[in-house]
Amino acid sequence: MKTFLTTQYTAVQVPRRMDAAMVRKFALINVEAICAIQERILLYAPQFLKSTKDWPSEVTNGKSTFWILVAPNVISGSNSLEEGQWVGICAMHGPLSAKQYNFFGDAGLAPMDGRLETRWIAGRLYIKPHHRSTEATKCLNRALEAFVNARTQELLGLSNTVHGSAVARVQATAYYGTAAHQNHQANGLQVVREVTRAEDLAYDGLLEETPEGLLHDADFRDPSGTLFEIVHHVS
């Protein structure tokens, strides 16, 4: 289990196997994160219909790695997944093929000339309101960056002595006005394009599951969020 520490917070990678108590905590923070996406949570109704036993499949499917931001237990001081307070979450999906990464067929997401690269999508970024701070954000972001950098070295067979020979590309979408959108802007992510609500649901693989009648013409026409990208130079 990988961890990343700051003074107050710990970012911990969720293990493939979780006990019943951890599964409940994982389900609860995922639902809380989905509720915080934006005001029209009924668009995500199928996600709320999952039973607790369904949530571990998101970790065991081999396509996603989840990180939990943990604050110390108020009684014991422990910052372990088992005892600490789960105050944030983010998922990293990948590595992805060039086709999977460029869902929208945007020239800005095409493979970089002459560079080895891995490709990832960050999703479900959420930190509880009373824990949103520079330190909390930095802890989670550094854990994610360290993870994709290490996996890039491993996947591409790079040695630690090779510098600047590869990049890890990470993209994410966020709705306007959300904490995630503000986080991406504050951390200097590049804007690739604006997306409509329907495009974002399709991007997340949820459009076909969206209950009939909940989407309006404007959801297919008007931008409601941004697709961002950040490129990490692996060293």
C-alpha atoms as a PDB file:
ATOM      1  CA  MET A   1       0.000   0.000   0.000  1.00  0.00           C
ATOM      2  CA  LYS A   2       1.525   3.312  -1.100  1.00  0.00           C
ATOM      3  CA  THR A   3       1.306   6.462   1.002  1.00  0.00           C
ATOM      4  CA  PHE A   4       2.276  10.122   0.759  1.00  0.00           C
ATOM      5  CA  LEU A   5       2.577  12.280   3.875  1.00  0.00           C
ATOM      6  CA  THR A   6       2.367  15.957   4.784  1.00  0.00           C
ATOM      7  CA  THR A   7       2.202  17.498   8.248  1.00  0.00           C
ATOM      8  CA  GLN A   8      -1.527  16.916   8.691  1.00  0.00           C
ATOM      9  CA  TYR A   9      -2.681  14.611   5.896  1.00  0.00           C
ATOM     10  CA  THR A  10      -1.811  11.276   4.361  1.00  0.00           C
ATOM     11  CA  ALA A  11      -2.716  10.131   0.850  1.00  0.00           C
ATOM     12  CA  VAL A  12      -3.108   6.359   0.792  1.00  0.00           C
ATOM     13  CA  GLN A  13      -3.683   4.065  -2.167  1.00  0.00           C
ATOM     14  CA  VAL A  14      -6.783   1.911  -1.711  1.00  0.00           C
ATOM     15  CA  PRO A  15      -5.852  -1.793  -1.619  1.00  0.00           C
ATOM     16  CA  ARG A  16      -7.438  -4.258  -4.029  1.00  0.00           C
ATOM     17  CA  ARG A  17      -8.930  -6.127  -1.105  1.00  0.00           C
ATOM     18  CA  MET A  18     -10.925  -4.315   1.567  1.00  0.00           C
ATOM     19  CA  ASP A  19     -12.686  -5.571   4.666  1.00  0.00           C
ATOM     20  CA  ALA A  20     -16.384  -4.823   5.225  1.00  0.00           C
ATOM     21  CA  ALA A  21     -15.752  -1.662   7.255  1.00  0.00           C
ATOM     22  CA  MET A  22     -13.415  -0.238   4.626  1.00  0.00           C
ATOM     23  CA  VAL A  23     -15.871  -1.080   1.838  1.00  0.00           C
ATOM     24  CA  ARG A  24     -18.548   0.957   3.637  1.00  0.00           C
ATOM     25  CA  LYS A  25     -16.192   3.917   3.996  1.00  0.00           C
ATOM     26  CA  PHE A  26     -15.231   3.611   0.320  1.00  0.00           C
ATOM     27  CA  ALA A  27     -18.886   3.572  -0.763  1.00  0.00           C
ATOM     28  CA  LEU A  28     -19.787   6.552   1.429  1.00  0.00           C
ATOM     29  CA  ILE A  29     -17.005   8.836   0.230  1.00  0.00           C
ATOM     30  CA  ASN A  30     -17.678   7.937  -3.411  1.00  0.00           C
ATOM     31  CA  VAL A  31     -21.349   8.831  -3.027  1.00  0.00           C
ATOM     32  CA  GLU A  32     -20.407  12.070  -1.251  1.00  0.00           C
ATOM     33  CA  ALA A  33     -18.005  12.908  -4.084  1.00  0.00           C
ATOM     34  CA  ILE A  34     -20.671  12.262  -6.721  1.00  0.00           C
ATOM     35  CA  CYS A  35     -23.168  14.452  -4.840  1.00  0.00           C
ATOM     36  CA  ALA A  36     -20.614  17.272  -4.865  1.00  0.00           C
ATOM     37  CA  ILE A  37     -20.102  17.175  -8.632  1.00  0.00           C
ATOM     38  CA  GLN A  38     -22.894  19.651  -9.309  1.00  0.00           C
ATOM     39  CA  GLU A  39     -26.490  20.349  -8.425  1.00  0.00           C
ATOM     40  CA  ARG A  40     -28.224  17.905 -10.789  1.00  0.00           C
ATOM     41  CA  ILE A  41     -27.359  14.725  -8.954  1.00  0.00           C
ATOM     42  CA  LEU A  42     -30.297  12.808 -10.450  1.00  0.00           C
ATOM     43  CA  LEU A  43     -28.216  12.522 -13.623  1.00  0.00           C
ATOM     44  CA  TYR A  44     -26.042  10.149 -11.613  1.00  0.00           C
ATOM     45  CA  ALA A  45     -28.943   8.132 -10.189  1.00  0.00           C
ATOM     46  CA  PRO A  46     -27.531   4.742 -11.340  1.00  0.00           C
ATOM     47  CA  GLN A  47     -24.446   5.370  -9.199  1.00  0.00           C
ATOM     48  CA  PHE A  48     -26.612   5.801  -6.100  1.00  0.00           C
ATOM     49  CA  LEU A  49     -28.416   2.523  -6.757  1.00  0.00           C
ATOM     50  CA  LYS A  50     -25.235   0.531  -6.228  1.00  0.00           C
ATOM     51  CA  SER A  51     -25.207  -1.639  -3.147  1.00  0.00           C
ATOM     52  CA  THR A  52     -22.226  -1.523  -0.816  1.00  0.00           C
ATOM     53  CA  LYS A  53     -20.963  -4.830  -2.200  1.00  0.00           C
ATOM     54  CA  ASP A  54     -20.863  -3.370  -5.743  1.00  0.00           C
ATOM     55  CA  TRP A  55     -18.340  -0.622  -4.987  1.00  0.00           C
ATOM     56  CA  PRO A  56     -15.189  -2.784  -4.587  1.00  0.00           C
ATOM     57  CA  SER A  57     -15.405  -3.709  -8.280  1.00  0.00           C
ATOM     58  CA  GLU A  58     -14.212  -0.182  -9.091  1.00  0.00           C
ATOM     59  CA  VAL A  59     -10.945  -1.044  -7.354  1.00  0.00           C
ATOM     60  CA  THR A  60     -10.583  -4.660  -8.487  1.00  0.00           C
ATOM     61  CA  ASN A  61     -11.316  -4.111 -12.190  1.00  0.00           C
ATOM     62  CA  GLY A  62      -7.629  -3.412 -12.820  1.00  0.00           C
ATOM     63  CA  LYS A  63      -8.386  -0.196 -14.720  1.00  0.00           C
ATOM     64  CA  SER A  64      -8.431   2.284 -11.846  1.00  0.00           C
ATOM     65  CA  THR A  65      -6.365   3.180  -8.813  1.00  0.00           C
ATOM     66  CA  PHE A  66      -8.038   5.097  -6.003  1.00  0.00           C
ATOM     67  CA  TRP A  67      -6.361   7.363  -3.489  1.00  0.00           C
ATOM     68  CA  ILE A  68      -7.884   8.448  -0.194  1.00  0.00           C
ATOM     69  CA  LEU A  69      -6.890  11.621   1.641  1.00  0.00           C
ATOM     70  CA  VAL A  70      -6.746  10.700   5.318  1.00  0.00           C
ATOM     71  CA  ALA A  71      -6.778  13.006   8.348  1.00  0.00           C
ATOM     72  CA  PRO A  72      -5.759  11.683  11.787  1.00  0.00           C
ATOM     73  CA  ASN A  73      -8.311   9.950  13.985  1.00  0.00           C
ATOM     74  CA  VAL A  74      -9.406  12.544  16.556  1.00  0.00           C
ATOM     75  CA  ILE A  75      -8.962  10.064  19.420  1.00  0.00           C
ATOM     76  CA  SER A  76      -6.056   7.798  18.501  1.00  0.00           C
ATOM     77  CA  GLY A  77      -4.220  10.110  16.111  1.00  0.00           C
ATOM     78  CA  SER A  78      -3.913   7.273  13.598  1.00  0.00           C
ATOM     79  CA  ASN A  79      -3.841   8.229   9.929  1.00  0.00           C
ATOM     80  CA  SER A  80      -4.283   4.700   8.596  1.00  0.00           C
ATOM     81  CA  LEU A  81      -7.085   3.770   6.212  1.00  0.00           C
ATOM     82  CA  GLU A  82      -8.578   1.602   8.930  1.00  0.00           C
ATOM     83  CA  GLU A  83      -8.704   4.257  11.684  1.00  0.00           C
ATOM     84  CA  GLY A  84      -8.185   7.659  10.069  1.00  0.00           C
ATOM     85  CA  GLN A  85     -10.805  10.083   8.787  1.00  0.00           C
ATOM     86  CA  TRP A  86     -11.455   9.730   5.063  1.00  0.00           C
ATOM     87  CA  VAL A  87     -11.648  13.357   3.931  1.00  0.00           C
ATOM     88  CA  GLY A  88     -10.883  13.183   0.209  1.00  0.00           C
ATOM     89  CA  ILE A  89     -10.685  10.909  -2.812  1.00  0.00           C
ATOM     90  CA  CYS A  90      -9.368  10.793  -6.362  1.00  0.00           C
ATOM     91  CA  ALA A  91      -9.269   8.036  -8.971  1.00  0.00           C
ATOM     92  CA  MET A  92      -6.574   7.525 -11.591  1.00  0.00           C
ATOM     93  CA  HIS A  93      -7.666   5.554 -14.659  1.00  0.00           C
ATOM     94  CA  GLY A  94      -5.006   4.058 -16.895  1.00  0.00           C
ATOM     95  CA  PRO A  95      -2.628   3.554 -18.491  1.00  0.00           C
ATOM     96  CA  LEU A  96      -4.656   4.289 -21.610  1.00  0.00           C
ATOM     97  CA  SER A  97      -4.064   3.827 -25.317  1.00  0.00           C
ATOM     98  CA  ALA A  98      -3.778   6.912 -27.518  1.00  0.00           C
ATOM     99  CA  LYS A  99      -7.323   6.263 -28.791  1.00  0.00           C
ATOM    100  CA  GLN A 100      -8.780   5.885 -25.300  1.00  0.00           C
ATOM    101  CA  TYR A 101      -7.035   9.049 -24.147  1.00  0.00           C
ATOM    102  CA  ASN A 102      -8.309  11.164 -27.025  1.00  0.00           C
ATOM    103  CA  PHE A 103     -12.026  10.531 -26.496  1.00  0.00           C
ATOM    104  CA  PHE A 104     -13.000  13.820 -28.158  1.00  0.00           C
ATOM    105  CA  GLY A 105     -10.612  13.502 -31.111  1.00  0.00           C
ATOM    106  CA  ASP A 106      -8.915  16.757 -30.153  1.00  0.00           C
ATOM    107  CA  ALA A 107      -5.615  17.651 -31.832  1.00  0.00           C
ATOM    108  CA  GLY A 108      -4.262  18.839 -28.489  1.00  0.00           C
ATOM    109  CA  LEU A 109      -4.487  15.316 -27.089  1.00  0.00           C
ATOM    110  CA  ALA A 110      -2.775  13.560 -29.995  1.00  0.00           C
ATOM    111  CA  PRO A 111       0.490  11.688 -29.221  1.00  0.00           C
ATOM    112  CA  MET A 112       3.488  13.970 -28.786  1.00  0.00           C
ATOM    113  CA  ASP A 113       6.076  13.750 -31.550  1.00  0.00           C
ATOM    114  CA  GLY A 114       9.287  12.015 -30.529  1.00  0.00           C
ATOM    115  CA  ARG A 115       8.268  11.427 -26.911  1.00  0.00           C
ATOM    116  CA  LEU A 116       7.576   8.273 -24.982  1.00  0.00           C
ATOM    117  CA  GLU A 117       4.401   8.762 -22.991  1.00  0.00           C
ATOM    118  CA  THR A 118       1.818   7.201 -20.750  1.00  0.00           C
ATOM    119  CA  ARG A 119      -1.731   8.504 -20.571  1.00  0.00           C
ATOM    120  CA  TRP A 120      -4.136   8.747 -17.637  1.00  0.00           C
ATOM    121  CA  ILE A 121      -7.492  10.217 -16.660  1.00  0.00           C
ATOM    122  CA  ALA A 122      -8.003  11.615 -13.161  1.00  0.00           C
ATOM    123  CA  GLY A 123     -11.558  11.518 -11.899  1.00  0.00           C
ATOM    124  CA  ARG A 124     -13.832  11.936  -8.900  1.00  0.00           C
ATOM    125  CA  LEU A 125     -11.549  14.486  -7.260  1.00  0.00           C
ATOM    126  CA  TYR A 126     -13.161  15.504  -3.994  1.00  0.00           C
ATOM    127  CA  ILE A 127     -12.065  16.959  -0.658  1.00  0.00           C
ATOM    128  CA  LYS A 128     -14.559  17.562   2.146  1.00  0.00           C
ATOM    129  CA  PRO A 129     -15.356  21.295   2.460  1.00  0.00           C
ATOM    130  CA  HIS A 130     -13.847  21.841   5.929  1.00  0.00           C
ATOM    131  CA  HIS A 131     -10.593  20.159   4.841  1.00  0.00           C
ATOM    132  CA  ARG A 132     -10.070  22.127   1.630  1.00  0.00           C
ATOM    133  CA  SER A 133      -6.691  23.778   1.978  1.00  0.00           C
ATOM    134  CA  THR A 134      -3.402  24.168   0.167  1.00  0.00           C
ATOM    135  CA  GLU A 135      -1.886  21.387   2.269  1.00  0.00           C
ATOM    136  CA  ALA A 136      -4.694  18.904   1.599  1.00  0.00           C
ATOM    137  CA  THR A 137      -4.689  19.595  -2.131  1.00  0.00           C
ATOM    138  CA  LYS A 138      -0.904  19.392  -2.313  1.00  0.00           C
ATOM    139  CA  CYS A 139      -0.851  16.054  -0.489  1.00  0.00           C
ATOM    140  CA  LEU A 140      -3.323  14.443  -2.873  1.00  0.00           C
ATOM    141  CA  ASN A 141      -1.800  15.986  -6.012  1.00  0.00           C
ATOM    142  CA  ARG A 142       1.727  14.922  -5.077  1.00  0.00           C
ATOM    143  CA  ALA A 143       0.592  11.369  -4.423  1.00  0.00           C
ATOM    144  CA  LEU A 144      -1.060  11.183  -7.839  1.00  0.00           C
ATOM    145  CA  GLU A 145       1.971  12.674  -9.583  1.00  0.00           C
ATOM    146  CA  ALA A 146       4.370  10.297  -7.830  1.00  0.00           C
ATOM    147  CA  PHE A 147       2.145   7.356  -8.785  1.00  0.00           C
ATOM    148  CA  VAL A 148       1.935   8.136 -12.520  1.00  0.00           C
ATOM    149  CA  ASN A 149       5.651   8.968 -12.667  1.00  0.00           C
ATOM    150  CA  ALA A 150       6.620   5.670 -11.024  1.00  0.00           C
ATOM    151  CA  ARG A 151       4.230   3.686 -13.211  1.00  0.00           C
ATOM    152  CA  THR A 152       5.563   5.454 -16.316  1.00  0.00           C
ATOM    153  CA  GLN A 153       9.117   4.452 -15.451  1.00  0.00           C
ATOM    154  CA  GLU A 154       7.952   0.898 -14.846  1.00  0.00           C
ATOM    155  CA  LEU A 155       5.787   0.604 -17.968  1.00  0.00           C
ATOM    156  CA  LEU A 156       8.344   2.143 -20.321  1.00  0.00           C
ATOM    157  CA  GLY A 157      11.355   0.416 -18.770  1.00  0.00           C
ATOM    158  CA  LEU A 158      13.132   3.640 -17.856  1.00  0.00           C
ATOM    159  CA  SER A 159      16.032   3.764 -15.432  1.00  0.00           C
ATOM    160  CA  ASN A 160      16.389   6.407 -12.754  1.00  0.00           C
ATOM    161  CA  THR A 161      19.379   7.805 -14.628  1.00  0.00           C
ATOM    162  CA  VAL A 162      17.318   8.775 -17.675  1.00  0.00           C
ATOM    163  CA  HIS A 163      15.978  12.310 -17.370  1.00  0.00           C
ATOM    164  CA  GLY A 164      13.270  13.954 -19.426  1.00  0.00           C
ATOM    165  CA  SER A 165      12.925  11.006 -21.780  1.00  0.00           C
ATOM    166  CA  ALA A 166       9.226  10.435 -21.178  1.00  0.00           C
ATOM    167  CA  VAL A 167       6.084  12.172 -20.056  1.00  0.00           C
ATOM    168  CA  ALA A 168       3.014  11.137 -18.106  1.00  0.00           C
ATOM    169  CA  ARG A 169      -0.055  12.899 -19.476  1.00  0.00           C
ATOM    170  CA  VAL A 170      -3.065  13.314 -17.204  1.00  0.00           C
ATOM    171  CA  GLN A 171      -6.421  14.785 -18.164  1.00  0.00           C
ATOM    172  CA  ALA A 172      -9.529  15.574 -16.144  1.00  0.00           C
ATOM    173  CA  THR A 173     -12.905  17.203 -16.627  1.00  0.00           C
ATOM    174  CA  ALA A 174     -14.672  19.403 -14.100  1.00  0.00           C
ATOM    175  CA  TYR A 175     -17.922  21.348 -14.078  1.00  0.00           C
ATOM    176  CA  TYR A 176     -17.823  25.134 -13.792  1.00  0.00           C
ATOM    177  CA  GLY A 177     -17.977  26.430 -10.240  1.00  0.00           C
ATOM    178  CA  THR A 178     -16.934  23.200  -8.543  1.00  0.00           C
ATOM    179  CA  ALA A 179     -14.002  22.824  -6.162  1.00  0.00           C
ATOM    180  CA  ALA A 180     -12.394  20.425  -8.652  1.00  0.00           C
ATOM    181  CA  HIS A 181     -12.537  23.064 -11.415  1.00  0.00           C
ATOM    182  CA  GLN A 182     -10.956  25.629  -9.100  1.00  0.00           C
ATOM    183  CA  ASN A 183      -8.268  23.115  -8.112  1.00  0.00           C
ATOM    184  CA  HIS A 184      -7.317  22.403 -11.725  1.00  0.00           C
ATOM    185  CA  GLN A 185      -7.119  26.111 -12.529  1.00  0.00           C
ATOM    186  CA  ALA A 186      -5.045  26.860  -9.430  1.00  0.00           C
ATOM    187  CA  ASN A 187      -2.583  24.096 -10.246  1.00  0.00           C
ATOM    188  CA  GLY A 188      -1.905  25.354 -13.738  1.00  0.00           C
ATOM    189  CA  LEU A 189      -3.577  22.639 -15.788  1.00  0.00           C
ATOM    190  CA  GLN A 190      -3.896  23.520 -19.453  1.00  0.00           C
ATOM    191  CA  VAL A 191      -7.366  23.986 -20.916  1.00  0.00           C
ATOM    192  CA  VAL A 192      -7.926  21.583 -23.824  1.00  0.00           C
ATOM    193  CA  ARG A 193     -11.565  22.341 -24.596  1.00  0.00           C
ATOM    194  CA  GLU A 194     -14.927  23.150 -23.060  1.00  0.00           C
ATOM    195  CA  VAL A 195     -17.462  20.317 -22.774  1.00  0.00           C
ATOM    196  CA  THR A 196     -21.238  20.096 -22.610  1.00  0.00           C
ATOM    197  CA  ARG A 197     -22.972  18.145 -19.878  1.00  0.00           C
ATOM    198  CA  ALA A 198     -23.895  15.377 -22.318  1.00  0.00           C
ATOM    199  CA  GLU A 199     -20.301  15.166 -23.549  1.00  0.00           C
ATOM    200  CA  ASP A 200     -19.031  14.860 -19.997  1.00  0.00           C
ATOM    201  CA  LEU A 201     -21.519  12.108 -19.174  1.00  0.00           C
ATOM    202  CA  ALA A 202     -20.433  10.241 -22.316  1.00  0.00           C
ATOM    203  CA  TYR A 203     -16.782  10.785 -21.368  1.00  0.00           C
ATOM    204  CA  ASP A 204     -17.484   9.147 -17.994  1.00  0.00           C
ATOM    205  CA  GLY A 205     -19.367   6.273 -19.639  1.00  0.00           C
ATOM    206  CA  LEU A 206     -22.625   7.327 -17.989  1.00  0.00           C
ATOM    207  CA  LEU A 207     -24.655   8.851 -20.817  1.00  0.00           C
ATOM    208  CA  GLU A 208     -26.515   5.661 -21.733  1.00  0.00           C
ATOM    209  CA  GLU A 209     -27.366   5.086 -18.057  1.00  0.00           C
ATOM    210  CA  THR A 210     -28.803   8.572 -17.563  1.00  0.00           C
ATOM    211  CA  PRO A 211     -32.529   8.347 -16.748  1.00  0.00           C
ATOM    212  CA  GLU A 212     -34.729   9.322 -19.675  1.00  0.00           C
ATOM    213  CA  GLY A 213     -36.065  12.858 -19.695  1.00  0.00           C
ATOM    214  CA  LEU A 214     -33.435  14.387 -17.415  1.00  0.00           C
ATOM    215  CA  LEU A 215     -31.301  15.884 -20.183  1.00  0.00           C
ATOM    216  CA  HIS A 216     -32.420  19.023 -22.018  1.00  0.00           C
ATOM    217  CA  ASP A 217     -31.406  20.517 -25.361  1.00  0.00           C
ATOM    218  CA  ALA A 218     -29.019  22.872 -23.578  1.00  0.00           C
ATOM    219  CA  ASP A 219     -27.177  19.893 -22.088  1.00  0.00           C
ATOM    220  CA  PHE A 220     -26.136  18.889 -25.605  1.00  0.00           C
ATOM    221  CA  ARG A 221     -25.421  22.452 -26.750  1.00  0.00           C
ATOM    222  CA  ASP A 222     -24.036  24.683 -24.001  1.00  0.00           C
ATOM    223  CA  PRO A 223     -20.641  24.189 -22.328  1.00  0.00           C
ATOM    224  CA  SER A 224     -20.887  23.295 -18.655  1.00  0.00           C
ATOM    225  CA  GLY A 225     -17.313  22.328 -17.839  1.00  0.00           C
ATOM    226  CA  THR A 226     -13.709  22.131 -18.960  1.00  0.00           C
ATOM    227  CA  LEU A 227     -11.373  19.379 -20.096  1.00  0.00           C
ATOM    228  CA  PHE A 228      -7.914  20.007 -18.618  1.00  0.00           C
ATOM    229  CA  GLU A 229      -4.530  18.362 -19.117  1.00  0.00           C
ATOM    230  CA  ILE A 230      -1.251  18.376 -17.216  1.00  0.00           C
ATOM    231  CA  VAL A 231       1.991  16.861 -18.515  1.00  0.00           C
ATOM    232  CA  HIS A 232       4.506  15.472 -16.019  1.00  0.00           C
ATOM    233  CA  HIS A 233       8.090  15.119 -17.232  1.00  0.00           C
ATOM    234  CA  VAL A 234       9.336  11.838 -15.830  1.00  0.00           C
ATOM    235  CA  SER A 235      12.810  11.900 -14.321  1.00  0.00           C
END
